Amino acid sequence: MANIETDFTADIEAVSSIDAVSSILEVVCRTTGMGFAAVARVTPYRWIACAVRDEIQFGLKPGGELKVETTICHEIRQNHQAVIIDHVTDDELYAHHHTPAMYGIQSYISMPIMLKDGSFFGTLCAIDPRPARLNNPETIGMFKLFAELISFHLDAIERLAISELKLQEELKTAELREQFIAILGHDLRNPLGAVSNVAQLLLRMPLDERTKRLATIVQDSSYRMKEMIENILDFASGRLGGGITLALKNDELLTDLLNQVLTELQLIWPDRMINAEFNITRPVSCDKRRIAQLFSNLLSNALTHGEKDTPVKVKAFNAENEFVLSVSNSAKQISEETMERLFQPFSRGDIKPGQKGLGLGLYIASEIAKAHDGTLTVCCTEGEICFSLQIPANL
């Protein structure tokens, strides 16, 4: 046990960092008329001065040490009770105590400093070779208040240190996680592109129905994986780089772009019906690649989660001062709790058996809308859910 208690630097630094301590010791000396006051760290084996005010040349400085067995603080550590002596010579309990005789003191007061968890830290104490008037409610109350104040600050310092340590650990974990996601997503794109290309080549060949069905499954799966990788990369890039980046152009005609996304997804979901109404009469200021990504995420989400026997409805048009794109599908009523977290990363709402994903699609779509100074909202009525994008006509 004794070998463990070899360094009290942290305790000394903690007490010295409390700005109020020097004022407390000054007030103690001025109020009581005593010449030496200290905050001491007291353990079963050590008595260490953490802060000192010495006007009688007692000889102790911060970091100085007394043999704990020679101090009355040793007894206070055991019973957690304050000791107050006005005049040692006249005190029945301490007139023949070894501590006053050894250190030549006549007045003594020491208040335990108890930490918030109930453990004993040390004492706030004062001594003097002359008698003093200490055993009164005012002085005792002052020492008790000061001891509690020191305890409060020590607890705050400890909690701050723990919080900073946890924060550093969480920051390191988050950084490693996001770097891993970014590297993983980047390294997966090349082999996945090869798989997708092979599937497309196979589908152009004369195949029997079984082989064609298998090739279609490979193509569909590679598309879903490509979508997830893009979302992962955007998520990592957004978190590490400060958000979704745009390559804006002021004259984007979006009808052809949206039709291209429709065609791609219709190939993947050939049995699903998509009703599209486009009335885009003028160019839109946007990053068309990002708009295509947003539309693909919304439409994929609708095709995945919507009722299979009802069509997905898509509308896109120019309003007076904005461009509007909406995707709606039949769905059961969604809870308010689920609605509130639909645009949060890794939130996937109510998932049916067999449906997989990372829960990043709607989050990325929302971030793309924000990057365009627009909004992505969701409205759920009985039997239908609708996602709607609104971006300003000119950014």
Protein backbone atom coordinates (compact mmCIF):
# COMPACT_ATOMS: atom_id res chain seq x y z
CA MET A 1 0.00 0.00 0.00
CA ALA A 2 2.78 2.39 0.92
CA ASN A 3 4.41 1.89 -2.47
CA ILE A 4 1.24 3.07 -4.18
CA GLU A 5 1.32 6.45 -2.43
CA THR A 6 4.51 7.76 -4.00
CA ASP A 7 3.29 10.77 -5.98
CA PHE A 8 0.83 13.42 -4.85
CA THR A 9 1.69 15.86 -7.63
CA ALA A 10 -1.83 15.66 -9.08
CA ASP A 11 -3.41 16.50 -5.71
CA ILE A 12 -1.05 19.41 -5.16
CA GLU A 13 -1.70 20.74 -8.66
CA ALA A 14 -5.46 20.34 -8.22
CA VAL A 15 -5.51 22.37 -5.02
CA SER A 16 -3.14 24.99 -6.40
CA SER A 17 -5.37 25.40 -9.46
CA ILE A 18 -8.25 26.53 -7.25
CA ASP A 19 -7.95 30.32 -7.30
CA ALA A 20 -9.96 30.69 -4.10
CA VAL A 21 -7.55 28.67 -1.96
CA SER A 22 -4.99 31.43 -1.43
CA SER A 23 -7.79 33.82 -0.42
CA ILE A 24 -9.26 31.20 1.91
CA LEU A 25 -5.95 30.74 3.71
CA GLU A 26 -5.50 34.51 3.99
CA VAL A 27 -9.00 34.95 5.44
CA VAL A 28 -8.36 32.11 7.91
CA CYS A 29 -5.19 33.76 9.20
CA ARG A 30 -6.72 37.27 9.33
CA THR A 31 -9.93 36.13 11.01
CA THR A 32 -8.38 33.83 13.63
CA GLY A 33 -5.11 35.73 14.16
CA MET A 34 -3.20 32.49 13.56
CA GLY A 35 0.07 32.49 11.68
CA PHE A 36 -0.06 29.24 9.69
CA ALA A 37 -2.85 27.78 7.57
CA ALA A 38 -2.78 24.95 5.08
CA VAL A 39 -4.77 22.57 2.90
CA ALA A 40 -3.33 19.12 3.55
CA ARG A 41 -3.72 15.82 1.71
CA VAL A 42 -3.98 13.13 4.36
CA THR A 43 -3.84 9.37 3.78
CA PRO A 44 -3.16 6.48 6.17
CA TYR A 45 0.54 6.86 5.40
CA ARG A 46 1.17 10.44 4.29
CA TRP A 47 0.53 14.08 5.26
CA ILE A 48 1.30 16.41 2.33
CA ALA A 49 0.90 20.19 2.27
CA CYS A 50 -0.96 21.15 -0.95
CA ALA A 51 -1.30 24.89 -0.21
CA VAL A 52 0.26 26.94 2.58
CA ARG A 53 0.17 30.39 4.18
CA ASP A 54 3.07 30.65 6.64
CA GLU A 55 3.52 33.85 8.65
CA ILE A 56 5.34 32.22 11.59
CA GLN A 57 8.14 30.52 9.66
CA PHE A 58 6.80 27.06 10.42
CA GLY A 59 8.86 25.91 7.46
CA LEU A 60 6.39 24.04 5.27
CA LYS A 61 5.81 24.77 1.60
CA PRO A 62 3.47 23.14 -0.96
CA GLY A 63 4.71 19.59 -1.38
CA GLY A 64 6.23 19.59 2.10
CA GLU A 65 5.51 16.63 4.33
CA LEU A 66 5.00 15.76 7.98
CA LYS A 67 4.99 12.26 9.42
CA VAL A 68 1.31 11.49 9.49
CA GLU A 69 1.56 9.76 12.89
CA THR A 70 2.76 13.01 14.45
CA THR A 71 -0.31 14.99 13.33
CA ILE A 72 -3.79 15.38 14.76
CA CYS A 73 -5.03 15.21 11.13
CA HIS A 74 -4.23 11.50 11.31
CA GLU A 75 -6.96 11.15 13.93
CA ILE A 76 -9.36 13.37 11.96
CA ARG A 77 -8.92 11.07 8.94
CA GLN A 78 -10.10 8.16 11.05
CA ASN A 79 -13.17 9.73 12.66
CA HIS A 80 -14.02 12.57 10.18
CA GLN A 81 -14.59 14.97 13.07
CA ALA A 82 -13.17 18.50 13.31
CA VAL A 83 -10.72 19.32 16.11
CA ILE A 84 -10.72 22.81 17.68
CA ILE A 85 -8.27 23.84 20.43
CA ASP A 86 -8.24 27.39 21.80
CA HIS A 87 -5.41 26.81 24.29
CA VAL A 88 -3.60 23.50 24.47
CA THR A 89 -2.42 24.04 28.05
CA ASP A 90 -6.02 24.39 29.27
CA ASP A 91 -7.48 21.64 27.08
CA GLU A 92 -8.28 18.41 28.92
CA LEU A 93 -7.98 16.20 25.81
CA TYR A 94 -4.88 17.67 24.21
CA ALA A 95 -2.85 19.15 27.09
CA HIS A 96 -0.59 16.10 27.05
CA HIS A 97 -0.96 15.19 23.37
CA HIS A 98 2.32 14.56 21.56
CA THR A 99 1.49 16.77 18.53
CA PRO A 100 1.27 20.18 20.28
CA ALA A 101 4.39 19.42 22.29
CA MET A 102 6.34 18.30 19.22
CA TYR A 103 5.45 21.34 17.09
CA GLY A 104 5.24 23.96 19.83
CA ILE A 105 1.64 25.00 19.19
CA GLN A 106 -1.01 26.34 21.59
CA SER A 107 -3.97 26.88 19.24
CA TYR A 108 -5.17 24.47 16.58
CA ILE A 109 -8.16 23.99 14.28
CA SER A 110 -8.64 21.40 11.56
CA MET A 111 -11.73 20.68 9.45
CA PRO A 112 -12.05 17.50 7.33
CA ILE A 113 -12.41 17.95 3.58
CA MET A 114 -14.87 15.30 2.40
CA LEU A 115 -15.28 14.70 -1.32
CA LYS A 116 -18.66 14.29 -3.00
CA ASP A 117 -18.35 10.50 -3.11
CA GLY A 118 -17.93 10.45 0.69
CA SER A 119 -14.19 9.80 0.66
CA PHE A 120 -11.76 11.71 2.85
CA PHE A 121 -9.33 14.00 1.00
CA GLY A 122 -7.55 15.84 3.80
CA THR A 123 -7.99 18.86 6.04
CA LEU A 124 -8.17 22.62 6.13
CA CYS A 125 -6.10 23.43 9.21
CA ALA A 126 -4.43 26.29 11.08
CA ILE A 127 -1.92 26.42 13.95
CA ASP A 128 -0.18 29.04 16.06
CA PRO A 129 2.22 29.08 19.05
CA ARG A 130 -0.22 31.46 20.80
CA PRO A 131 -3.72 30.76 22.12
CA ALA A 132 -6.65 31.85 19.94
CA ARG A 133 -10.42 32.08 20.17
CA LEU A 134 -11.58 29.35 17.82
CA ASN A 135 -14.27 27.27 19.48
CA ASN A 136 -17.24 29.41 18.49
CA PRO A 137 -20.01 28.99 15.88
CA GLU A 138 -18.67 31.74 13.62
CA THR A 139 -15.16 30.29 13.23
CA ILE A 140 -16.33 26.69 13.02
CA GLY A 141 -18.96 27.65 10.42
CA MET A 142 -16.37 29.53 8.38
CA PHE A 143 -13.99 26.54 8.33
CA LYS A 144 -16.81 24.18 7.43
CA LEU A 145 -17.91 26.42 4.56
CA PHE A 146 -14.35 26.76 3.25
CA ALA A 147 -13.80 22.98 3.46
CA GLU A 148 -16.99 22.38 1.47
CA LEU A 149 -15.93 24.98 -1.11
CA ILE A 150 -12.56 23.27 -1.58
CA SER A 151 -14.33 19.90 -1.88
CA PHE A 152 -16.67 21.32 -4.52
CA HIS A 153 -13.76 22.58 -6.62
CA LEU A 154 -11.83 19.32 -6.28
CA ASP A 155 -14.87 17.37 -7.43
CA ALA A 156 -15.36 19.74 -10.39
CA ILE A 157 -11.70 19.34 -11.38
CA GLU A 158 -12.00 15.55 -11.27
CA ARG A 159 -15.22 15.52 -13.27
CA LEU A 160 -13.69 17.85 -15.86
CA ALA A 161 -10.64 15.62 -16.20
CA ILE A 162 -12.83 12.54 -16.66
CA SER A 163 -14.98 14.35 -19.24
CA GLU A 164 -11.93 15.51 -21.18
CA LEU A 165 -10.50 11.98 -21.16
CA LYS A 166 -13.78 10.52 -22.41
CA LEU A 167 -14.05 13.24 -25.06
CA GLN A 168 -10.55 12.51 -26.33
CA GLU A 169 -11.33 8.79 -26.48
CA GLU A 170 -14.59 9.44 -28.32
CA LEU A 171 -12.91 11.80 -30.77
CA LYS A 172 -10.22 9.21 -31.53
CA THR A 173 -12.85 6.50 -31.95
CA ALA A 174 -14.98 8.71 -34.21
CA GLU A 175 -11.98 9.70 -36.32
CA LEU A 176 -10.86 6.10 -36.76
CA ARG A 177 -14.40 5.00 -37.58
CA GLU A 178 -14.92 7.68 -40.21
CA GLN A 179 -11.48 7.12 -41.75
CA PHE A 180 -12.22 3.42 -41.90
CA ILE A 181 -15.59 4.05 -43.57
CA ALA A 182 -14.02 6.38 -46.13
CA ILE A 183 -11.18 3.99 -46.99
CA LEU A 184 -13.46 0.98 -47.08
CA GLY A 185 -15.96 2.71 -49.37
CA HIS A 186 -13.21 3.89 -51.73
CA ASP A 187 -11.57 0.46 -52.01
CA LEU A 188 -14.89 -1.29 -52.63
CA ARG A 189 -15.90 0.79 -55.63
CA ASN A 190 -13.43 -0.72 -58.12
CA PRO A 191 -14.27 -4.43 -57.63
CA LEU A 192 -17.96 -3.57 -57.40
CA GLY A 193 -17.76 -1.70 -60.71
CA ALA A 194 -16.26 -4.81 -62.29
CA VAL A 195 -19.08 -6.98 -60.95
CA SER A 196 -21.71 -4.56 -62.30
CA ASN A 197 -20.07 -4.42 -65.72
CA VAL A 198 -19.95 -8.21 -65.96
CA ALA A 199 -23.64 -8.42 -65.03
CA GLN A 200 -24.56 -5.89 -67.73
CA LEU A 201 -22.50 -7.76 -70.35
CA LEU A 202 -24.19 -11.04 -69.42
CA LEU A 203 -27.64 -9.50 -69.79
CA ARG A 204 -26.79 -8.46 -73.36
CA MET A 205 -26.08 -12.06 -74.30
CA PRO A 206 -28.65 -14.69 -75.30
CA LEU A 207 -29.26 -16.46 -71.99
CA ASP A 208 -31.70 -19.02 -70.72
CA GLU A 209 -34.25 -17.77 -68.19
CA ARG A 210 -32.45 -19.12 -65.12
CA THR A 211 -29.08 -17.56 -66.06
CA LYS A 212 -30.77 -14.31 -66.99
CA ARG A 213 -32.51 -14.23 -63.61
CA LEU A 214 -29.21 -14.82 -61.80
CA ALA A 215 -27.48 -12.08 -63.81
CA THR A 216 -30.33 -9.71 -62.97
CA ILE A 217 -29.90 -10.49 -59.27
CA VAL A 218 -26.19 -9.71 -59.53
CA GLN A 219 -26.92 -6.43 -61.33
CA ASP A 220 -29.57 -5.40 -58.80
CA SER A 221 -27.33 -6.24 -55.86
CA SER A 222 -24.37 -4.38 -57.32
CA TYR A 223 -26.56 -1.31 -57.82
CA ARG A 224 -27.71 -1.42 -54.19
CA MET A 225 -24.11 -1.84 -53.03
CA LYS A 226 -23.01 1.08 -55.22
CA GLU A 227 -25.75 3.25 -53.68
CA MET A 228 -24.71 2.29 -50.15
CA ILE A 229 -21.04 2.98 -50.87
CA GLU A 230 -21.84 6.42 -52.26
CA ASN A 231 -23.88 7.19 -49.16
CA ILE A 232 -21.09 5.95 -46.90
CA LEU A 233 -18.51 8.09 -48.68
CA ASP A 234 -20.75 11.15 -48.55
CA PHE A 235 -21.42 10.54 -44.87
CA ALA A 236 -17.71 10.23 -44.08
CA SER A 237 -16.82 13.20 -46.28
CA GLY A 238 -19.55 15.32 -44.73
CA ARG A 239 -18.46 14.51 -41.19
CA LEU A 240 -14.74 14.94 -41.86
CA GLY A 241 -14.95 17.80 -44.33
CA GLY A 242 -17.84 19.87 -43.03
CA GLY A 243 -20.73 18.93 -45.30
CA ILE A 244 -21.86 17.99 -48.80
CA THR A 245 -19.92 19.75 -51.57
CA LEU A 246 -21.62 21.05 -54.70
CA ALA A 247 -20.61 21.83 -58.28
CA LEU A 248 -23.34 24.34 -59.12
CA LYS A 249 -24.54 25.31 -62.58
CA ASN A 250 -27.27 27.86 -63.24
CA ASP A 251 -28.79 26.31 -66.37
CA GLU A 252 -29.51 22.69 -65.51
CA LEU A 253 -32.48 21.20 -67.35
CA LEU A 254 -33.48 18.37 -65.05
CA THR A 255 -36.14 16.51 -67.04
CA ASP A 256 -33.67 14.25 -68.88
CA LEU A 257 -31.69 13.68 -65.67
CA LEU A 258 -34.76 12.60 -63.71
CA ASN A 259 -35.94 10.35 -66.54
CA GLN A 260 -32.52 8.68 -66.58
CA VAL A 261 -32.79 7.89 -62.86
CA LEU A 262 -36.34 6.60 -63.44
CA THR A 263 -35.15 4.30 -66.23
CA GLU A 264 -32.29 2.90 -64.16
CA LEU A 265 -34.49 2.12 -61.19
CA GLN A 266 -37.33 0.75 -63.33
CA LEU A 267 -34.85 -1.82 -64.69
CA ILE A 268 -34.03 -2.88 -61.16
CA TRP A 269 -37.69 -2.98 -60.08
CA PRO A 270 -39.39 -4.06 -63.35
CA ASP A 271 -42.54 -5.24 -61.55
CA ARG A 272 -43.18 -1.92 -59.82
CA MET A 273 -45.25 0.88 -61.32
CA ILE A 274 -43.90 4.44 -61.25
CA ASN A 275 -46.20 7.31 -62.20
CA ALA A 276 -44.13 10.39 -63.08
CA GLU A 277 -45.36 13.89 -63.84
CA PHE A 278 -42.67 16.37 -64.88
CA ASN A 279 -43.47 19.99 -65.65
CA ILE A 280 -40.02 21.59 -65.59
CA THR A 281 -40.34 24.73 -67.73
CA ARG A 282 -37.07 26.50 -66.94
CA PRO A 283 -33.50 25.67 -65.86
CA VAL A 284 -32.63 25.10 -62.20
CA SER A 285 -29.54 26.34 -60.40
CA CYS A 286 -28.15 23.16 -58.82
CA ASP A 287 -25.59 20.38 -58.85
CA LYS A 288 -27.36 17.91 -61.13
CA ARG A 289 -25.26 14.95 -59.98
CA ARG A 290 -26.35 15.61 -56.40
CA ILE A 291 -29.99 16.08 -57.42
CA ALA A 292 -29.83 12.74 -59.24
CA GLN A 293 -28.36 11.15 -56.11
CA LEU A 294 -31.09 12.67 -53.93
CA PHE A 295 -33.84 11.54 -56.35
CA SER A 296 -32.34 8.05 -56.57
CA ASN A 297 -32.27 7.77 -52.78
CA LEU A 298 -35.88 8.91 -52.44
CA LEU A 299 -37.18 6.73 -55.25
CA SER A 300 -35.22 3.67 -54.10
CA ASN A 301 -36.58 4.19 -50.62
CA ALA A 302 -40.14 4.39 -51.96
CA LEU A 303 -39.74 1.28 -54.14
CA THR A 304 -38.18 -0.64 -51.27
CA HIS A 305 -40.63 0.27 -48.53
CA GLY A 306 -43.84 1.03 -50.44
CA GLU A 307 -46.68 -1.42 -50.99
CA LYS A 308 -45.84 -3.52 -54.04
CA ASP A 309 -49.31 -3.47 -55.58
CA THR A 310 -49.60 0.34 -55.67
CA PRO A 311 -47.64 2.81 -57.83
CA VAL A 312 -44.96 5.19 -56.64
CA LYS A 313 -45.84 8.76 -57.57
CA VAL A 314 -43.18 11.23 -58.69
CA LYS A 315 -43.75 14.92 -59.39
CA ALA A 316 -41.28 17.63 -60.43
CA PHE A 317 -42.14 21.19 -61.41
CA ASN A 318 -41.09 24.83 -61.24
CA ALA A 319 -43.04 26.89 -58.74
CA GLU A 320 -42.82 30.68 -58.68
CA ASN A 321 -39.54 30.95 -56.77
CA GLU A 322 -38.47 27.34 -56.31
CA PHE A 323 -38.03 23.92 -57.83
CA VAL A 324 -40.11 21.14 -56.27
CA LEU A 325 -39.54 17.40 -56.46
CA SER A 326 -41.76 14.95 -54.58
CA VAL A 327 -41.83 11.17 -54.24
CA SER A 328 -44.74 9.43 -52.55
CA ASN A 329 -45.72 5.84 -51.96
CA SER A 330 -48.41 3.92 -50.15
CA ALA A 331 -47.45 3.02 -46.60
CA LYS A 332 -48.90 2.34 -43.21
CA GLN A 333 -49.10 5.19 -40.72
CA ILE A 334 -45.64 5.97 -39.31
CA SER A 335 -45.21 6.83 -35.65
CA GLU A 336 -44.19 10.36 -34.66
CA GLU A 337 -41.04 8.99 -33.05
CA THR A 338 -40.01 7.34 -36.33
CA MET A 339 -40.87 10.48 -38.31
CA GLU A 340 -38.61 12.61 -36.07
CA ARG A 341 -35.55 10.51 -36.79
CA LEU A 342 -36.05 9.64 -40.47
CA PHE A 343 -33.36 12.11 -41.56
CA GLN A 344 -30.87 11.09 -38.89
CA PRO A 345 -27.89 8.93 -39.92
CA PHE A 346 -28.26 5.20 -39.36
CA SER A 347 -31.98 5.58 -38.72
CA ARG A 348 -34.02 3.16 -40.79
CA GLY A 349 -37.58 3.61 -39.56
CA ASP A 350 -39.86 0.57 -39.51
CA ILE A 351 -38.00 -2.14 -41.41
CA LYS A 352 -39.77 -5.11 -42.88
CA PRO A 353 -38.16 -8.57 -42.76
CA GLY A 354 -35.60 -8.99 -45.53
CA GLN A 355 -35.05 -5.25 -46.06
CA LYS A 356 -31.47 -4.19 -45.52
CA GLY A 357 -29.57 -0.92 -45.53
CA LEU A 358 -27.46 1.42 -43.47
CA GLY A 359 -30.08 4.08 -42.93
CA LEU A 360 -27.99 6.75 -44.67
CA GLY A 361 -30.05 7.40 -47.81
CA LEU A 362 -32.55 9.87 -46.35
CA TYR A 363 -29.82 11.53 -44.27
CA ILE A 364 -27.67 12.12 -47.37
CA ALA A 365 -30.71 13.37 -49.31
CA SER A 366 -31.46 15.82 -46.49
CA GLU A 367 -27.86 17.04 -46.48
CA ILE A 368 -27.96 17.56 -50.26
CA ALA A 369 -31.11 19.65 -49.85
CA LYS A 370 -29.42 21.75 -47.14
CA ALA A 371 -26.37 22.26 -49.34
CA HIS A 372 -28.72 23.76 -51.96
CA ASP A 373 -30.21 26.08 -49.31
CA GLY A 374 -33.37 24.03 -49.63
CA THR A 375 -35.44 21.68 -47.51
CA LEU A 376 -36.42 18.05 -47.60
CA THR A 377 -39.63 17.37 -45.71
CA VAL A 378 -41.79 14.35 -45.07
CA CYS A 379 -45.55 14.20 -44.74
CA CYS A 380 -47.41 11.09 -43.66
CA THR A 381 -51.16 10.78 -44.11
CA GLU A 382 -53.33 7.73 -43.78
CA GLY A 383 -52.07 5.26 -46.36
CA GLU A 384 -49.35 7.44 -47.94
CA ILE A 385 -45.97 8.96 -47.18
CA CYS A 386 -44.52 11.77 -49.28
CA PHE A 387 -40.99 13.22 -49.37
CA SER A 388 -40.74 16.67 -50.91
CA LEU A 389 -37.69 18.68 -51.96
CA GLN A 390 -37.87 22.46 -52.33
CA ILE A 391 -34.83 24.46 -53.47
CA PRO A 392 -34.69 28.14 -54.44
CA ALA A 393 -34.97 28.97 -58.12
CA ASN A 394 -31.58 30.73 -58.02
CA LEU A 395 -28.84 30.01 -55.46
